[in-house]
Amino acid sequence: MKIAACLGKAITTSSDLPVSARISRCHSLSSRHPANQAGGAAIEFAVVFPLFFMIFYAIVTYGLIMVAQQSITLAAEEGARAALRFAADNDARNTNAENAAIGTGSAAAWLADRLDFDGTLLESCPYSVGTSRCYRVTVTYPDYRTNPLVPLLIGPLMGVVVPEQLSSTAVVQID
């Protein structure tokens, strides 16, 4: 019997054991003492948590950008549809379209204070030949990069990958 050192501890080994058995015995002895692993979980957490947090933050940020863009698109479509309703003059048509696009009951009501509305009567439609008129509705979130829904975590560095503005346009033929 010999006494061998294993991670600073003396162990008794038989000389007839192969080297691999002595090494595995040394490793099994070291794994029995959790004191040698103290702080390992904290170090792993410190390395992995920021990575997972950044991935989660990116999912939330871009998810809200997509939800806002979808709401703005729906608002422009609803405004264009409202312009088709009977209106005595262009002012009434603009009022109908704006109320439908960014009014209280619209899909973009939750963004209404951040949105710009533009309703324009076009003398000729961009897609037809003839004398038909069209109405174009544009709904814009003009300064998304400087006034985002979720604050930018890294400041100006993240501003590179966030859109400058969110905008959508819908056109309908009115006659």
Protein backbone atom coordinates (compact mmCIF):
# COMPACT_ATOMS: atom_id res chain seq x y z
CA MET A 1 0.00 0.00 0.00
CA LYS A 2 1.19 3.44 -0.90
CA ILE A 3 -0.05 6.80 0.15
CA ALA A 4 -0.64 9.10 -2.80
CA ALA A 5 -1.60 12.74 -2.91
CA CYS A 6 -4.94 13.53 -4.49
CA LEU A 7 -5.88 17.21 -4.62
CA GLY A 8 -3.95 17.91 -1.47
CA LYS A 9 -5.39 14.92 0.43
CA ALA A 10 -3.56 11.73 1.23
CA ILE A 11 -5.18 8.50 0.03
CA THR A 12 -4.12 4.91 0.33
CA THR A 13 -3.73 3.01 -2.92
CA SER A 14 -2.82 -0.52 -3.75
CA SER A 15 0.21 -0.88 -5.99
CA ASP A 16 -1.51 -3.54 -8.06
CA LEU A 17 -4.22 -1.06 -9.26
CA PRO A 18 -3.69 0.36 -12.75
CA VAL A 19 -3.02 4.10 -13.09
CA SER A 20 -6.46 4.79 -14.60
CA ALA A 21 -8.17 3.26 -11.58
CA ARG A 22 -6.06 5.36 -9.24
CA ILE A 23 -6.90 8.54 -11.23
CA SER A 24 -10.62 7.77 -11.30
CA ARG A 25 -10.52 7.10 -7.56
CA CYS A 26 -8.85 10.45 -7.09
CA HIS A 27 -11.58 12.19 -9.13
CA SER A 28 -14.35 10.39 -7.30
CA LEU A 29 -12.90 11.50 -4.00
CA SER A 30 -12.73 15.12 -5.14
CA SER A 31 -16.33 15.12 -6.34
CA ARG A 32 -17.50 13.95 -2.94
CA HIS A 33 -16.41 17.21 -1.39
CA PRO A 34 -18.66 20.06 -2.60
CA ALA A 35 -16.42 22.59 -0.86
CA ASN A 36 -14.14 22.36 -3.89
CA GLN A 37 -17.04 23.61 -6.06
CA ALA A 38 -18.04 26.54 -3.83
CA GLY A 39 -18.93 29.61 -5.90
CA GLY A 40 -19.08 27.76 -9.20
CA ALA A 41 -22.81 28.34 -9.62
CA ALA A 42 -22.42 32.06 -8.90
CA ILE A 43 -19.74 32.39 -11.56
CA GLU A 44 -21.83 30.49 -14.11
CA PHE A 45 -24.84 32.67 -13.28
CA ALA A 46 -22.77 35.85 -13.66
CA VAL A 47 -21.68 34.75 -17.13
CA VAL A 48 -24.98 33.34 -18.42
CA PHE A 49 -27.53 35.80 -16.95
CA PRO A 50 -26.49 38.87 -18.99
CA LEU A 51 -26.67 36.83 -22.18
CA PHE A 52 -30.16 35.52 -21.40
CA PHE A 53 -31.30 38.97 -20.28
CA MET A 54 -30.13 40.58 -23.54
CA ILE A 55 -31.95 37.91 -25.57
CA PHE A 56 -35.14 38.44 -23.53
CA TYR A 57 -34.84 42.23 -23.85
CA ALA A 58 -34.39 41.98 -27.63
CA ILE A 59 -37.48 39.76 -27.90
CA VAL A 60 -39.57 42.26 -25.91
CA THR A 61 -38.21 45.29 -27.80
CA TYR A 62 -38.71 43.88 -31.29
CA GLY A 63 -42.00 42.27 -30.32
CA LEU A 64 -43.37 45.68 -29.33
CA ILE A 65 -42.01 47.24 -32.53
CA MET A 66 -43.88 44.62 -34.55
CA VAL A 67 -47.08 45.06 -32.52
CA ALA A 68 -46.90 48.84 -32.97
CA GLN A 69 -46.26 48.51 -36.72
CA GLN A 70 -49.20 46.13 -37.08
CA SER A 71 -51.45 48.53 -35.14
CA ILE A 72 -50.33 51.45 -37.32
CA THR A 73 -51.00 49.45 -40.49
CA LEU A 74 -54.47 48.49 -39.27
CA ALA A 75 -55.14 52.12 -38.30
CA ALA A 76 -54.23 53.35 -41.81
CA GLU A 77 -56.48 50.69 -43.37
CA GLU A 78 -59.39 51.58 -41.09
CA GLY A 79 -58.92 55.27 -41.85
CA ALA A 80 -58.98 54.59 -45.58
CA ARG A 81 -62.14 52.47 -45.23
CA ALA A 82 -63.80 55.24 -43.23
CA ALA A 83 -63.03 57.70 -46.03
CA LEU A 84 -65.24 55.57 -48.29
CA ARG A 85 -68.29 56.28 -46.14
CA PHE A 86 -70.58 59.02 -47.35
CA ALA A 87 -69.13 62.45 -46.62
CA ALA A 88 -70.59 65.74 -47.80
CA ASP A 89 -67.18 67.34 -48.29
CA ASN A 90 -63.47 66.65 -47.92
CA ASP A 91 -63.35 68.01 -44.33
CA ALA A 92 -65.97 65.49 -43.22
CA ARG A 93 -64.05 62.75 -45.04
CA ASN A 94 -60.83 63.75 -43.22
CA THR A 95 -62.63 63.76 -39.87
CA ASN A 96 -64.13 60.31 -40.50
CA ALA A 97 -60.76 58.92 -41.56
CA GLU A 98 -58.84 60.42 -38.64
CA ASN A 99 -61.38 59.26 -36.05
CA ALA A 100 -61.30 55.74 -37.47
CA ALA A 101 -57.50 55.68 -37.71
CA ILE A 102 -56.36 57.13 -34.39
CA GLY A 103 -59.59 57.84 -32.51
CA THR A 104 -60.72 56.32 -29.24
CA GLY A 105 -62.02 53.03 -30.62
CA SER A 106 -59.26 52.43 -33.17
CA ALA A 107 -56.61 49.73 -33.19
CA ALA A 108 -53.94 52.37 -32.61
CA ALA A 109 -55.72 54.19 -29.77
CA TRP A 110 -53.01 53.02 -27.36
CA LEU A 111 -50.48 54.94 -29.49
CA ALA A 112 -52.70 57.89 -30.45
CA ASP A 113 -50.71 60.57 -28.61
CA ARG A 114 -47.52 59.49 -30.43
CA LEU A 115 -48.96 59.21 -33.95
CA ASP A 116 -49.32 61.66 -36.83
CA PHE A 117 -52.24 61.37 -39.24
CA ASP A 118 -52.30 62.58 -42.83
CA GLY A 119 -55.35 62.16 -45.03
CA THR A 120 -55.04 63.42 -48.60
CA LEU A 121 -57.50 63.45 -51.48
CA LEU A 122 -55.59 62.54 -54.65
CA GLU A 123 -56.91 63.87 -57.94
CA SER A 124 -55.73 60.76 -59.74
CA CYS A 125 -55.09 57.29 -58.40
CA PRO A 126 -51.54 56.01 -58.62
CA TYR A 127 -52.73 52.65 -60.01
CA SER A 128 -55.45 53.57 -62.50
CA VAL A 129 -55.81 55.46 -65.73
CA GLY A 130 -58.73 57.81 -66.00
CA THR A 131 -60.49 60.35 -63.87
CA SER A 132 -61.01 58.33 -60.69
CA ARG A 133 -59.97 59.95 -57.43
CA CYS A 134 -58.31 58.26 -54.49
CA TYR A 135 -57.90 59.00 -50.82
CA ARG A 136 -54.57 58.26 -49.15
CA VAL A 137 -54.21 57.79 -45.40
CA THR A 138 -50.77 57.80 -43.82
CA VAL A 139 -50.27 57.07 -40.13
CA THR A 140 -46.77 57.64 -38.77
CA TYR A 141 -44.95 57.19 -35.47
CA PRO A 142 -42.44 59.90 -36.41
CA ASP A 143 -39.62 59.62 -33.87
CA TYR A 144 -39.53 56.01 -32.74
CA ARG A 145 -35.76 55.94 -32.33
CA THR A 146 -35.76 58.90 -29.93
CA ASN A 147 -39.06 58.04 -28.22
CA PRO A 148 -39.40 54.22 -28.22
CA LEU A 149 -42.05 52.18 -26.42
CA VAL A 150 -39.36 50.32 -24.46
CA PRO A 151 -36.35 52.40 -23.37
CA LEU A 152 -33.16 51.48 -25.20
CA LEU A 153 -30.95 49.47 -22.86
CA ILE A 154 -27.56 50.31 -24.36
CA GLY A 155 -28.49 53.83 -25.44
CA PRO A 156 -27.08 55.02 -28.76
CA LEU A 157 -25.56 51.62 -29.61
CA MET A 158 -28.97 49.97 -29.76
CA GLY A 159 -30.40 52.91 -31.72
CA VAL A 160 -28.62 51.60 -34.79
CA VAL A 161 -30.90 48.56 -35.01
CA VAL A 162 -34.17 50.32 -34.09
CA PRO A 163 -36.17 51.98 -36.90
CA GLU A 164 -36.19 55.77 -37.18
CA GLN A 165 -39.97 55.83 -37.64
CA LEU A 166 -42.89 53.48 -38.05
CA SER A 167 -45.26 54.34 -40.88
CA SER A 168 -48.04 52.85 -42.95
CA THR A 169 -50.06 54.09 -45.93
CA ALA A 170 -53.38 52.90 -47.32
CA VAL A 171 -55.02 54.12 -50.54
CA VAL A 172 -58.68 53.66 -51.55
CA GLN A 173 -60.49 54.66 -54.70
CA ILE A 174 -63.48 56.83 -53.80
CA ASP A 175 -64.99 57.40 -57.27
